[in-house]
């Protein structure tokens, strides 16, 4: 495929699918990648001649987390695209968007705005609304090896605290709802929260 693309760039000729005659084309090629093509050239997995054909004008675009000033304007543009009615973000919601780090870049931000457009019924989007729709890749759940390295009592305590925190998060800190999700009485939930120092 690299060879075919190189010939198109050099000769400006293509043969349409199902055709027999080559045709001249006058096109500009805009290519984008997240891979290090220079390293791939050195490894022999990307053709050097094709690299120099493509690398005429290079624009390095940092990840979204490295250009925080773009996050809020992008947020406004995306929510306007997906929401049927205008939505305004509170200062706390904007701060949460800026603090998130965007591991999935613009695509993740777009996904979050699609969810906000579907889930948030009112015209104001708060920090708690974002907590419902933002998916974080970095899990606070320790890996299996970590659990297996703990003694029995320590693992039980840690797992219990994790269950309590997740139930509170899923219920938006509604303790009655958290107790229902966990299948326990509210009084027991309150005692467990106090025991684990969870506010």
C-alpha atoms as a PDB file:
ATOM      1  CA  UNK A   1       0.000   0.000   0.000  1.00  0.00           C
ATOM      2  CA  UNK A   2       2.871   2.384   0.771  1.00  0.00           C
ATOM      3  CA  UNK A   3       4.321   1.735  -2.670  1.00  0.00           C
ATOM      4  CA  UNK A   4       0.987   2.427  -4.376  1.00  0.00           C
ATOM      5  CA  UNK A   5       0.526   5.650  -2.431  1.00  0.00           C
ATOM      6  CA  UNK A   6       4.065   6.733  -3.289  1.00  0.00           C
ATOM      7  CA  UNK A   7       3.392   6.213  -7.006  1.00  0.00           C
ATOM      8  CA  UNK A   8       0.234   8.337  -6.782  1.00  0.00           C
ATOM      9  CA  UNK A   9       2.163  11.145  -5.086  1.00  0.00           C
ATOM     10  CA  UNK A  10       5.055  10.973  -7.578  1.00  0.00           C
ATOM     11  CA  UNK A  11       3.213  10.397 -10.847  1.00  0.00           C
ATOM     12  CA  UNK A  12      -0.136  12.013  -9.977  1.00  0.00           C
ATOM     13  CA  UNK A  13      -1.835   9.085 -11.701  1.00  0.00           C
ATOM     14  CA  UNK A  14      -4.496   6.697 -10.385  1.00  0.00           C
ATOM     15  CA  UNK A  15      -6.298   3.754 -11.893  1.00  0.00           C
ATOM     16  CA  UNK A  16      -9.943   3.705 -10.731  1.00  0.00           C
ATOM     17  CA  UNK A  17     -11.290   0.482  -9.245  1.00  0.00           C
ATOM     18  CA  UNK A  18     -12.562  -1.658 -12.117  1.00  0.00           C
ATOM     19  CA  UNK A  19     -10.825   0.545 -14.679  1.00  0.00           C
ATOM     20  CA  UNK A  20      -7.924  -0.240 -16.982  1.00  0.00           C
ATOM     21  CA  UNK A  21      -6.622   3.211 -17.839  1.00  0.00           C
ATOM     22  CA  UNK A  22      -4.732   5.476 -15.466  1.00  0.00           C
ATOM     23  CA  UNK A  23      -6.026   9.008 -14.958  1.00  0.00           C
ATOM     24  CA  UNK A  24      -4.197  12.153 -13.992  1.00  0.00           C
ATOM     25  CA  UNK A  25      -5.253  13.670 -10.655  1.00  0.00           C
ATOM     26  CA  UNK A  26      -4.548  17.094  -9.199  1.00  0.00           C
ATOM     27  CA  UNK A  27      -4.904  16.715  -5.459  1.00  0.00           C
ATOM     28  CA  UNK A  28      -3.382  17.842  -2.200  1.00  0.00           C
ATOM     29  CA  UNK A  29      -2.782  15.235   0.463  1.00  0.00           C
ATOM     30  CA  UNK A  30      -3.305  15.964   4.130  1.00  0.00           C
ATOM     31  CA  UNK A  31      -2.030  13.113   6.294  1.00  0.00           C
ATOM     32  CA  UNK A  32      -2.296  12.726  10.046  1.00  0.00           C
ATOM     33  CA  UNK A  33      -0.849  10.193  12.444  1.00  0.00           C
ATOM     34  CA  UNK A  34      -0.163   9.674  16.120  1.00  0.00           C
ATOM     35  CA  UNK A  35       2.825   7.463  15.315  1.00  0.00           C
ATOM     36  CA  UNK A  36       6.478   8.460  15.210  1.00  0.00           C
ATOM     37  CA  UNK A  37       7.153   8.068  11.488  1.00  0.00           C
ATOM     38  CA  UNK A  38      10.850   8.936  11.814  1.00  0.00           C
ATOM     39  CA  UNK A  39      11.313   6.032  14.212  1.00  0.00           C
ATOM     40  CA  UNK A  40       9.314   3.793  11.871  1.00  0.00           C
ATOM     41  CA  UNK A  41      11.576   4.794   8.966  1.00  0.00           C
ATOM     42  CA  UNK A  42      14.617   3.845  11.054  1.00  0.00           C
ATOM     43  CA  UNK A  43      13.002   0.504  11.901  1.00  0.00           C
ATOM     44  CA  UNK A  44      12.193  -0.127   8.250  1.00  0.00           C
ATOM     45  CA  UNK A  45       8.429  -0.319   8.746  1.00  0.00           C
ATOM     46  CA  UNK A  46       7.706   2.931   6.884  1.00  0.00           C
ATOM     47  CA  UNK A  47       9.234   3.829   3.520  1.00  0.00           C
ATOM     48  CA  UNK A  48      11.714   6.689   3.678  1.00  0.00           C
ATOM     49  CA  UNK A  49      10.830   7.974   0.199  1.00  0.00           C
ATOM     50  CA  UNK A  50       7.124   8.056   1.110  1.00  0.00           C
ATOM     51  CA  UNK A  51       7.924   9.851   4.369  1.00  0.00           C
ATOM     52  CA  UNK A  52       9.699  12.659   2.501  1.00  0.00           C
ATOM     53  CA  UNK A  53       6.856  12.901  -0.009  1.00  0.00           C
ATOM     54  CA  UNK A  54       4.370  13.407   2.807  1.00  0.00           C
ATOM     55  CA  UNK A  55       6.549  15.501   5.132  1.00  0.00           C
ATOM     56  CA  UNK A  56       6.464  18.732   3.121  1.00  0.00           C
ATOM     57  CA  UNK A  57       4.788  20.937   5.694  1.00  0.00           C
ATOM     58  CA  UNK A  58       4.550  19.454   9.170  1.00  0.00           C
ATOM     59  CA  UNK A  59       2.171  20.758  11.820  1.00  0.00           C
ATOM     60  CA  UNK A  60       2.723  19.305  15.275  1.00  0.00           C
ATOM     61  CA  UNK A  61      -0.518  19.420  17.229  1.00  0.00           C
ATOM     62  CA  UNK A  62      -0.063  18.774  20.951  1.00  0.00           C
ATOM     63  CA  UNK A  63      -2.567  16.626  22.832  1.00  0.00           C
ATOM     64  CA  UNK A  64      -5.638  18.451  24.130  1.00  0.00           C
ATOM     65  CA  UNK A  65      -4.408  18.136  27.736  1.00  0.00           C
ATOM     66  CA  UNK A  66      -1.365  20.233  26.722  1.00  0.00           C
ATOM     67  CA  UNK A  67      -3.469  23.054  25.299  1.00  0.00           C
ATOM     68  CA  UNK A  68      -5.954  23.722  28.055  1.00  0.00           C
ATOM     69  CA  UNK A  69      -7.101  27.021  26.538  1.00  0.00           C
ATOM     70  CA  UNK A  70      -8.804  25.025  23.751  1.00  0.00           C
ATOM     71  CA  UNK A  71     -10.905  22.826  26.052  1.00  0.00           C
ATOM     72  CA  UNK A  72     -13.682  25.278  26.950  1.00  0.00           C
ATOM     73  CA  UNK A  73     -14.167  26.708  23.412  1.00  0.00           C
ATOM     74  CA  UNK A  74     -14.311  23.136  22.081  1.00  0.00           C
ATOM     75  CA  UNK A  75     -16.803  22.253  24.811  1.00  0.00           C
ATOM     76  CA  UNK A  76     -19.077  25.125  23.766  1.00  0.00           C
ATOM     77  CA  UNK A  77     -18.864  24.185  20.101  1.00  0.00           C
ATOM     78  CA  UNK A  78     -19.551  20.490  20.750  1.00  0.00           C
ATOM     79  CA  UNK A  79     -22.473  20.996  23.144  1.00  0.00           C
ATOM     80  CA  UNK A  80     -24.019  23.403  20.630  1.00  0.00           C
ATOM     81  CA  UNK A  81     -23.716  20.681  18.000  1.00  0.00           C
ATOM     82  CA  UNK A  82     -25.331  17.902  20.060  1.00  0.00           C
ATOM     83  CA  UNK A  83     -27.788  19.585  22.436  1.00  0.00           C
ATOM     84  CA  UNK A  84     -31.275  20.432  21.188  1.00  0.00           C
ATOM     85  CA  UNK A  85     -31.531  23.351  23.611  1.00  0.00           C
ATOM     86  CA  UNK A  86     -28.750  25.764  24.698  1.00  0.00           C
ATOM     87  CA  UNK A  87     -26.756  24.650  27.731  1.00  0.00           C
ATOM     88  CA  UNK A  88     -24.521  26.681  30.021  1.00  0.00           C
ATOM     89  CA  UNK A  89     -21.719  25.193  32.124  1.00  0.00           C
ATOM     90  CA  UNK A  90     -21.205  26.354  35.704  1.00  0.00           C
ATOM     91  CA  UNK A  91     -17.783  27.552  36.829  1.00  0.00           C
ATOM     92  CA  UNK A  92     -17.377  24.289  38.779  1.00  0.00           C
ATOM     93  CA  UNK A  93     -18.211  22.230  35.673  1.00  0.00           C
ATOM     94  CA  UNK A  94     -15.684  24.195  33.615  1.00  0.00           C
ATOM     95  CA  UNK A  95     -13.055  23.631  36.303  1.00  0.00           C
ATOM     96  CA  UNK A  96     -13.803  19.894  36.236  1.00  0.00           C
ATOM     97  CA  UNK A  97     -13.394  19.827  32.451  1.00  0.00           C
ATOM     98  CA  UNK A  98     -10.040  21.603  32.738  1.00  0.00           C
ATOM     99  CA  UNK A  99      -8.850  19.281  35.533  1.00  0.00           C
ATOM    100  CA  UNK A 100      -9.839  16.023  33.826  1.00  0.00           C
ATOM    101  CA  UNK A 101      -6.670  15.603  31.725  1.00  0.00           C
ATOM    102  CA  UNK A 102      -8.465  14.275  28.621  1.00  0.00           C
ATOM    103  CA  UNK A 103      -6.767  10.889  28.185  1.00  0.00           C
ATOM    104  CA  UNK A 104      -8.927  10.317  25.096  1.00  0.00           C
ATOM    105  CA  UNK A 105      -8.220  13.718  23.543  1.00  0.00           C
ATOM    106  CA  UNK A 106     -10.862  15.518  21.422  1.00  0.00           C
ATOM    107  CA  UNK A 107     -12.805  12.325  20.700  1.00  0.00           C
ATOM    108  CA  UNK A 108     -13.320  11.777  24.429  1.00  0.00           C
ATOM    109  CA  UNK A 109     -14.465  15.376  24.943  1.00  0.00           C
ATOM    110  CA  UNK A 110     -16.916  14.956  22.058  1.00  0.00           C
ATOM    111  CA  UNK A 111     -18.211  11.724  23.615  1.00  0.00           C
ATOM    112  CA  UNK A 112     -18.720  13.498  26.961  1.00  0.00           C
ATOM    113  CA  UNK A 113     -20.659  16.329  25.276  1.00  0.00           C
ATOM    114  CA  UNK A 114     -22.898  13.817  23.471  1.00  0.00           C
ATOM    115  CA  UNK A 115     -23.680  12.203  26.823  1.00  0.00           C
ATOM    116  CA  UNK A 116     -24.314  15.567  28.475  1.00  0.00           C
ATOM    117  CA  UNK A 117     -26.718  16.489  25.655  1.00  0.00           C
ATOM    118  CA  UNK A 118     -28.657  13.264  26.261  1.00  0.00           C
ATOM    119  CA  UNK A 119     -28.561  13.094  30.065  1.00  0.00           C
ATOM    120  CA  UNK A 120     -28.794  16.683  31.332  1.00  0.00           C
ATOM    121  CA  UNK A 121     -32.377  17.898  31.004  1.00  0.00           C
ATOM    122  CA  UNK A 122     -31.939  21.454  32.244  1.00  0.00           C
ATOM    123  CA  UNK A 123     -30.086  24.351  30.628  1.00  0.00           C
ATOM    124  CA  UNK A 124     -27.327  24.430  33.264  1.00  0.00           C
ATOM    125  CA  UNK A 125     -24.628  21.741  33.422  1.00  0.00           C
ATOM    126  CA  UNK A 126     -23.005  21.340  36.841  1.00  0.00           C
ATOM    127  CA  UNK A 127     -19.981  19.439  38.079  1.00  0.00           C
ATOM    128  CA  UNK A 128     -22.215  16.630  39.382  1.00  0.00           C
ATOM    129  CA  UNK A 129     -23.705  16.202  35.884  1.00  0.00           C
ATOM    130  CA  UNK A 130     -20.234  15.662  34.453  1.00  0.00           C
ATOM    131  CA  UNK A 131     -19.455  13.053  37.118  1.00  0.00           C
ATOM    132  CA  UNK A 132     -22.338  11.003  35.736  1.00  0.00           C
ATOM    133  CA  UNK A 133     -20.978  10.889  32.194  1.00  0.00           C
ATOM    134  CA  UNK A 134     -17.179  11.164  32.401  1.00  0.00           C
ATOM    135  CA  UNK A 135     -15.418   7.835  32.077  1.00  0.00           C
ATOM    136  CA  UNK A 136     -11.956   7.748  33.604  1.00  0.00           C
ATOM    137  CA  UNK A 137      -9.441   5.204  32.424  1.00  0.00           C
ATOM    138  CA  UNK A 138      -7.317   5.448  35.509  1.00  0.00           C
ATOM    139  CA  UNK A 139      -9.119   3.164  37.926  1.00  0.00           C
ATOM    140  CA  UNK A 140      -8.693   3.433  41.675  1.00  0.00           C
ATOM    141  CA  UNK A 141      -9.203  -0.318  41.877  1.00  0.00           C
ATOM    142  CA  UNK A 142      -5.872  -1.996  42.652  1.00  0.00           C
ATOM    143  CA  UNK A 143      -4.775  -4.759  40.247  1.00  0.00           C
ATOM    144  CA  UNK A 144      -5.376  -8.390  41.214  1.00  0.00           C
ATOM    145  CA  UNK A 145      -1.735  -8.902  42.227  1.00  0.00           C
ATOM    146  CA  UNK A 146      -2.101  -6.087  44.747  1.00  0.00           C
ATOM    147  CA  UNK A 147      -5.154  -7.736  46.329  1.00  0.00           C
ATOM    148  CA  UNK A 148      -3.447 -11.121  46.473  1.00  0.00           C
ATOM    149  CA  UNK A 149      -0.404  -9.628  48.191  1.00  0.00           C
ATOM    150  CA  UNK A 150      -2.539  -8.255  51.047  1.00  0.00           C
ATOM    151  CA  UNK A 151      -3.481 -10.174  54.155  1.00  0.00           C
ATOM    152  CA  UNK A 152      -7.107 -11.305  54.419  1.00  0.00           C
ATOM    153  CA  UNK A 153      -8.247  -8.644  56.882  1.00  0.00           C
ATOM    154  CA  UNK A 154      -6.553  -5.831  54.938  1.00  0.00           C
ATOM    155  CA  UNK A 155      -8.109  -6.938  51.648  1.00  0.00           C
ATOM    156  CA  UNK A 156     -11.586  -7.099  53.198  1.00  0.00           C
ATOM    157  CA  UNK A 157     -11.242  -3.596  54.673  1.00  0.00           C
ATOM    158  CA  UNK A 158      -9.968  -2.155  51.372  1.00  0.00           C
ATOM    159  CA  UNK A 159     -12.684  -3.877  49.333  1.00  0.00           C
ATOM    160  CA  UNK A 160     -15.404  -2.705  51.726  1.00  0.00           C
ATOM    161  CA  UNK A 161     -14.221   0.895  51.440  1.00  0.00           C
ATOM    162  CA  UNK A 162     -14.115   0.605  47.648  1.00  0.00           C
ATOM    163  CA  UNK A 163     -17.720  -0.679  47.550  1.00  0.00           C
ATOM    164  CA  UNK A 164     -18.890   2.184  49.770  1.00  0.00           C
ATOM    165  CA  UNK A 165     -17.131   4.820  47.660  1.00  0.00           C
ATOM    166  CA  UNK A 166     -18.540   3.434  44.420  1.00  0.00           C
ATOM    167  CA  UNK A 167     -22.076   3.226  45.790  1.00  0.00           C
ATOM    168  CA  UNK A 168     -21.892   6.858  46.964  1.00  0.00           C
ATOM    169  CA  UNK A 169     -20.501   7.976  43.614  1.00  0.00           C
ATOM    170  CA  UNK A 170     -23.186   6.085  41.651  1.00  0.00           C
ATOM    171  CA  UNK A 171     -25.935   7.557  43.849  1.00  0.00           C
ATOM    172  CA  UNK A 172     -24.485  11.086  43.677  1.00  0.00           C
ATOM    173  CA  UNK A 173     -23.830  11.026  47.446  1.00  0.00           C
ATOM    174  CA  UNK A 174     -27.445  10.150  48.247  1.00  0.00           C
ATOM    175  CA  UNK A 175     -26.892   7.900  51.265  1.00  0.00           C
ATOM    176  CA  UNK A 176     -30.363   6.337  51.198  1.00  0.00           C
ATOM    177  CA  UNK A 177     -29.833   5.363  47.558  1.00  0.00           C
ATOM    178  CA  UNK A 178     -26.307   4.107  48.306  1.00  0.00           C
ATOM    179  CA  UNK A 179     -27.663   1.902  51.102  1.00  0.00           C
ATOM    180  CA  UNK A 180     -30.304   0.525  48.754  1.00  0.00           C
ATOM    181  CA  UNK A 181     -27.685  -0.241  46.093  1.00  0.00           C
ATOM    182  CA  UNK A 182     -25.567  -2.073  48.641  1.00  0.00           C
ATOM    183  CA  UNK A 183     -28.541  -3.922  50.131  1.00  0.00           C
ATOM    184  CA  UNK A 184     -27.951  -2.678  53.676  1.00  0.00           C
ATOM    185  CA  UNK A 185     -29.798  -0.599  56.269  1.00  0.00           C
ATOM    186  CA  UNK A 186     -29.000   3.105  56.384  1.00  0.00           C
ATOM    187  CA  UNK A 187     -27.785   2.869  59.974  1.00  0.00           C
ATOM    188  CA  UNK A 188     -25.232   0.240  58.959  1.00  0.00           C
ATOM    189  CA  UNK A 189     -24.135   2.372  56.006  1.00  0.00           C
ATOM    190  CA  UNK A 190     -23.606   5.384  58.296  1.00  0.00           C
ATOM    191  CA  UNK A 191     -21.580   3.252  60.699  1.00  0.00           C
ATOM    192  CA  UNK A 192     -19.428   1.870  57.885  1.00  0.00           C
ATOM    193  CA  UNK A 193     -18.833   5.342  56.415  1.00  0.00           C
ATOM    194  CA  UNK A 194     -17.701   6.571  59.832  1.00  0.00           C
ATOM    195  CA  UNK A 195     -15.520   3.493  60.311  1.00  0.00           C
ATOM    196  CA  UNK A 196     -13.748   4.090  57.007  1.00  0.00           C
ATOM    197  CA  UNK A 197     -13.531   7.868  57.425  1.00  0.00           C
ATOM    198  CA  UNK A 198     -15.637   8.582  54.334  1.00  0.00           C
ATOM    199  CA  UNK A 199     -17.342  11.984  54.412  1.00  0.00           C
END
